[in-house]
Amino acid sequence: WYKNVEQTGFKAFNTIANTITINYRSILNYFINRSTNASAESFNAKIKAFRAQFRGVKNVEFFLFRLTRIFA
């Protein structure tokens, strides 16, 4: 189906086909194992929210210490 998409000449379809070929293992992993990266995304959101509370952090080591104590 990749060749059929390439022959259409639409750039958007080619972009989607390239994305699928690059990420096909992750896509198949979801359908086989029902595995997603939702837990990692949730953790990133928690870190961003925590960081937003302490804008202008001067002591990075203490910030990382507090981060590990709260979320680890």
C-alpha atoms as a PDB file:
ATOM      1  CA  TRP A   1       0.000   0.000   0.000  1.00  0.00           C
ATOM      2  CA  TYR A   2       3.007   2.230   0.415  1.00  0.00           C
ATOM      3  CA  LYS A   3       3.616   2.219  -3.315  1.00  0.00           C
ATOM      4  CA  ASN A   4      -0.018   3.085  -4.022  1.00  0.00           C
ATOM      5  CA  VAL A   5       0.226   6.024  -1.631  1.00  0.00           C
ATOM      6  CA  GLU A   6       3.449   7.235  -3.242  1.00  0.00           C
ATOM      7  CA  GLN A   7       1.887   7.078  -6.681  1.00  0.00           C
ATOM      8  CA  THR A   8      -1.014   9.343  -5.719  1.00  0.00           C
ATOM      9  CA  GLY A   9       1.345  12.311  -5.525  1.00  0.00           C
ATOM     10  CA  PHE A  10      -0.237  13.829  -2.402  1.00  0.00           C
ATOM     11  CA  LYS A  11       2.484  15.086  -0.061  1.00  0.00           C
ATOM     12  CA  ALA A  12       0.283  14.670   3.024  1.00  0.00           C
ATOM     13  CA  PHE A  13      -0.198  10.979   2.278  1.00  0.00           C
ATOM     14  CA  ASN A  14       3.538  10.547   1.786  1.00  0.00           C
ATOM     15  CA  THR A  15       4.177  12.195   5.154  1.00  0.00           C
ATOM     16  CA  ILE A  16       1.725   9.857   6.866  1.00  0.00           C
ATOM     17  CA  ALA A  17       3.224   6.822   5.124  1.00  0.00           C
ATOM     18  CA  ASN A  18       6.715   7.852   6.251  1.00  0.00           C
ATOM     19  CA  THR A  19       5.516   8.320   9.830  1.00  0.00           C
ATOM     20  CA  ILE A  20       3.955   4.873   9.847  1.00  0.00           C
ATOM     21  CA  THR A  21       7.079   3.220   8.419  1.00  0.00           C
ATOM     22  CA  ILE A  22       9.261   4.892  11.065  1.00  0.00           C
ATOM     23  CA  ASN A  23       6.936   4.078  13.997  1.00  0.00           C
ATOM     24  CA  TYR A  24       5.383   0.796  12.916  1.00  0.00           C
ATOM     25  CA  ARG A  25       6.910  -1.205  15.791  1.00  0.00           C
ATOM     26  CA  SER A  26       5.358   1.085  18.402  1.00  0.00           C
ATOM     27  CA  ILE A  27       2.040   1.030  16.575  1.00  0.00           C
ATOM     28  CA  LEU A  28       2.015  -2.756  16.408  1.00  0.00           C
ATOM     29  CA  ASN A  29       3.079  -2.995  20.056  1.00  0.00           C
ATOM     30  CA  TYR A  30      -0.118  -1.197  21.051  1.00  0.00           C
ATOM     31  CA  PHE A  31      -2.327  -3.605  19.118  1.00  0.00           C
ATOM     32  CA  ILE A  32      -0.453  -6.732  20.260  1.00  0.00           C
ATOM     33  CA  ASN A  33       0.167  -5.899  23.937  1.00  0.00           C
ATOM     34  CA  ARG A  34      -2.198  -2.933  24.466  1.00  0.00           C
ATOM     35  CA  SER A  35       0.904  -1.124  25.664  1.00  0.00           C
ATOM     36  CA  THR A  36       1.152   2.671  25.529  1.00  0.00           C
ATOM     37  CA  ASN A  37       3.448   5.352  26.898  1.00  0.00           C
ATOM     38  CA  ALA A  38       0.660   6.911  28.965  1.00  0.00           C
ATOM     39  CA  SER A  39       2.509   6.373  32.243  1.00  0.00           C
ATOM     40  CA  ALA A  40       5.576   8.203  30.921  1.00  0.00           C
ATOM     41  CA  GLU A  41       3.424  11.046  29.629  1.00  0.00           C
ATOM     42  CA  SER A  42       1.671  11.293  32.990  1.00  0.00           C
ATOM     43  CA  PHE A  43       5.007  11.451  34.798  1.00  0.00           C
ATOM     44  CA  ASN A  44       6.211  14.187  32.425  1.00  0.00           C
ATOM     45  CA  ALA A  45       3.062  16.182  33.152  1.00  0.00           C
ATOM     46  CA  LYS A  46       3.661  15.855  36.900  1.00  0.00           C
ATOM     47  CA  ILE A  47       7.247  17.071  36.514  1.00  0.00           C
ATOM     48  CA  LYS A  48       6.127  20.040  34.421  1.00  0.00           C
ATOM     49  CA  ALA A  49       3.475  20.981  36.963  1.00  0.00           C
ATOM     50  CA  PHE A  50       5.968  20.693  39.817  1.00  0.00           C
ATOM     51  CA  ARG A  51       8.500  22.778  37.908  1.00  0.00           C
ATOM     52  CA  ALA A  52       5.863  25.422  37.179  1.00  0.00           C
ATOM     53  CA  GLN A  53       5.297  25.854  40.912  1.00  0.00           C
ATOM     54  CA  PHE A  54       8.959  26.707  41.470  1.00  0.00           C
ATOM     55  CA  ARG A  55       9.823  29.123  38.707  1.00  0.00           C
ATOM     56  CA  GLY A  56      13.329  30.484  38.803  1.00  0.00           C
ATOM     57  CA  VAL A  57      14.918  27.554  40.604  1.00  0.00           C
ATOM     58  CA  LYS A  58      18.351  28.611  41.844  1.00  0.00           C
ATOM     59  CA  ASN A  59      19.486  25.334  43.394  1.00  0.00           C
ATOM     60  CA  VAL A  60      19.054  22.606  40.777  1.00  0.00           C
ATOM     61  CA  GLU A  61      20.380  19.869  43.052  1.00  0.00           C
ATOM     62  CA  PHE A  62      17.751  20.624  45.687  1.00  0.00           C
ATOM     63  CA  PHE A  63      15.044  20.766  43.020  1.00  0.00           C
ATOM     64  CA  LEU A  64      16.016  17.298  41.777  1.00  0.00           C
ATOM     65  CA  PHE A  65      16.186  16.046  45.364  1.00  0.00           C
ATOM     66  CA  ARG A  66      12.631  17.274  46.059  1.00  0.00           C
ATOM     67  CA  LEU A  67      11.449  15.837  42.755  1.00  0.00           C
ATOM     68  CA  THR A  68      12.784  12.381  43.592  1.00  0.00           C
ATOM     69  CA  ARG A  69      11.378  12.507  47.132  1.00  0.00           C
ATOM     70  CA  ILE A  70       7.885  13.417  45.959  1.00  0.00           C
ATOM     71  CA  PHE A  71       7.539  11.332  42.799  1.00  0.00           C
ATOM     72  CA  ALA A  72       9.987   8.429  43.235  1.00  0.00           C
END
